[in-house]
Each structure stands twice: as structure tokens, then as C-alpha cells.
C-alpha atoms as a PDB file:
ATOM      1  CA  UNK A   1      70.914  95.810  80.704  1.00  0.00           C
ATOM      2  CA  UNK A   2      70.915  98.450  83.084  1.00  0.00           C
ATOM      3  CA  UNK A   3      73.960  99.244  83.824  1.00  0.00           C
ATOM      4  CA  UNK A   4      74.947  99.059  79.733  1.00  0.00           C
ATOM      5  CA  UNK A   5      71.989 101.684  79.318  1.00  0.00           C
ATOM      6  CA  UNK A   6      72.970 103.861  81.981  1.00  0.00           C
ATOM      7  CA  UNK A   7      76.844 103.945  80.634  1.00  0.00           C
ATOM      8  CA  UNK A   8      75.796 104.570  77.293  1.00  0.00           C
ATOM      9  CA  UNK A   9      77.621 101.302  76.306  1.00  0.00           C
ATOM     10  CA  UNK A  10      76.421  98.518  74.463  1.00  0.00           C
ATOM     11  CA  UNK A  11      75.684  95.143  75.859  1.00  0.00           C
ATOM     12  CA  UNK A  12      78.578  93.245  74.577  1.00  0.00           C
ATOM     13  CA  UNK A  13      80.868  96.219  75.392  1.00  0.00           C
ATOM     14  CA  UNK A  14      79.328  95.565  79.240  1.00  0.00           C
ATOM     15  CA  UNK A  15      80.576  91.628  78.563  1.00  0.00           C
ATOM     16  CA  UNK A  16      83.808  92.473  77.885  1.00  0.00           C
ATOM     17  CA  UNK A  17      84.469  95.427  80.575  1.00  0.00           C
ATOM     18  CA  UNK A  18      82.794  93.015  83.190  1.00  0.00           C
ATOM     19  CA  UNK A  19      86.036  89.757  81.409  1.00  0.00           C
ATOM     20  CA  UNK A  20      88.496  92.303  81.778  1.00  0.00           C
ATOM     21  CA  UNK A  21      88.814  91.897  77.791  1.00  0.00           C
ATOM     22  CA  UNK A  22      91.737  93.963  76.908  1.00  0.00           C
ATOM     23  CA  UNK A  23      90.654  96.001  73.749  1.00  0.00           C
ATOM     24  CA  UNK A  24      88.534  97.876  76.025  1.00  0.00           C
ATOM     25  CA  UNK A  25      88.954 101.754  76.214  1.00  0.00           C
ATOM     26  CA  UNK A  26      89.490 103.831  79.899  1.00  0.00           C
ATOM     27  CA  UNK A  27      86.779 106.012  78.605  1.00  0.00           C
ATOM     28  CA  UNK A  28      84.787 103.115  78.756  1.00  0.00           C
ATOM     29  CA  UNK A  29      85.791 101.905  82.188  1.00  0.00           C
ATOM     30  CA  UNK A  30      85.243 105.747  83.459  1.00  0.00           C
ATOM     31  CA  UNK A  31      81.852 106.014  81.599  1.00  0.00           C
ATOM     32  CA  UNK A  32      80.787 102.041  83.929  1.00  0.00           C
ATOM     33  CA  UNK A  33      82.105 103.581  87.155  1.00  0.00           C
ATOM     34  CA  UNK A  34      80.362 107.067  86.919  1.00  0.00           C
ATOM     35  CA  UNK A  35      77.351 105.069  86.390  1.00  0.00           C
ATOM     36  CA  UNK A  36      78.214 102.812  89.036  1.00  0.00           C
ATOM     37  CA  UNK A  37      78.642 105.445  90.998  1.00  0.00           C
ATOM     38  CA  UNK A  38      82.406 104.988  91.874  1.00  0.00           C
ATOM     39  CA  UNK A  39      84.214 106.868  89.292  1.00  0.00           C
ATOM     40  CA  UNK A  40      86.865 107.881  91.827  1.00  0.00           C
ATOM     41  CA  UNK A  41      87.953 104.604  92.391  1.00  0.00           C
ATOM     42  CA  UNK A  42      89.497 105.369  89.169  1.00  0.00           C
ATOM     43  CA  UNK A  43      92.267 107.490  90.914  1.00  0.00           C
ATOM     44  CA  UNK A  44      93.554 104.516  92.144  1.00  0.00           C
ATOM     45  CA  UNK A  45      94.667 102.557  88.863  1.00  0.00           C
ATOM     46  CA  UNK A  46      96.274 106.182  88.050  1.00  0.00           C
ATOM     47  CA  UNK A  47      98.477 106.910  90.994  1.00  0.00           C
ATOM     48  CA  UNK A  48     102.210 105.980  90.147  1.00  0.00           C
ATOM     49  CA  UNK A  49     102.932 105.693  94.021  1.00  0.00           C
ATOM     50  CA  UNK A  50     100.517 103.026  94.206  1.00  0.00           C
ATOM     51  CA  UNK A  51     101.729 100.927  91.391  1.00  0.00           C
ATOM     52  CA  UNK A  52     104.113  98.816  93.441  1.00  0.00           C
ATOM     53  CA  UNK A  53     105.435  96.693  89.889  1.00  0.00           C
ATOM     54  CA  UNK A  54     105.694 100.178  88.007  1.00  0.00           C
ATOM     55  CA  UNK A  55     108.038 101.520  90.793  1.00  0.00           C
ATOM     56  CA  UNK A  56     110.424  98.511  91.111  1.00  0.00           C
ATOM     57  CA  UNK A  57     110.673  98.544  87.426  1.00  0.00           C
ATOM     58  CA  UNK A  58     111.456 102.310  87.423  1.00  0.00           C
ATOM     59  CA  UNK A  59     114.230 101.512  90.495  1.00  0.00           C
ATOM     60  CA  UNK A  60     115.719  99.134  88.392  1.00  0.00           C
ATOM     61  CA  UNK A  61     116.656 102.166  85.431  1.00  0.00           C
ATOM     62  CA  UNK A  62     118.246 104.225  88.335  1.00  0.00           C
ATOM     63  CA  UNK A  63     121.904 104.474  88.783  1.00  0.00           C
ATOM     64  CA  UNK A  64     124.239 102.251  90.649  1.00  0.00           C
ATOM     65  CA  UNK A  65     126.529 105.056  93.535  1.00  0.00           C
ATOM     66  CA  UNK A  66     129.473 105.594  92.231  1.00  0.00           C
ATOM     67  CA  UNK A  67     131.372 105.543  95.659  1.00  0.00           C
ATOM     68  CA  UNK A  68     130.376 104.292  98.410  1.00  0.00           C
ATOM     69  CA  UNK A  69     130.509 105.600 102.141  1.00  0.00           C
ATOM     70  CA  UNK A  70     133.792 104.430 103.115  1.00  0.00           C
ATOM     71  CA  UNK A  71     135.691 106.256  99.912  1.00  0.00           C
ATOM     72  CA  UNK A  72     134.742 109.667 101.269  1.00  0.00           C
ATOM     73  CA  UNK A  73     135.647 109.069 104.669  1.00  0.00           C
ATOM     74  CA  UNK A  74     139.804 109.251 103.860  1.00  0.00           C
END
């Protein structure tokens, strides 16, 4: 497999990458993306503003408002 050679990883590791095996390191994914010429796509994965689930979970931990606008008027 040419891609495995270009990424400097073994064929079994490339198969794990293709199957989304959870034990594959981010460095290996970066090597494969670099070999494919699409390393810039890794930025999307690391961009917290694009993580909808992560943002929703973070929002759940924000403190609730103590006073409503109605109580502030008078």
C-alpha cells in the first residue's frame, strides 16, 4: 500500500486508521492526512467552536441566572 509507505506506518496500522480504531494515535492520523495532502483538515477536528456536542455540554455547566430582568426593574 503506497499510502502506508508515504505515511511511514505499517499496513495494519493504516487499516486501523481506515476503520476508525480508537487506539490509533493522533500523530498517526496526522501522518496519513499529510501523506494525502490534506493536513489542514486536522484544524477542523481541533476547532472547539465547531464541536456542537462539546459546546452543548459546556453550556450545561454554566451557572444559572440569579435575578430575572423583571426583578431588576424595581
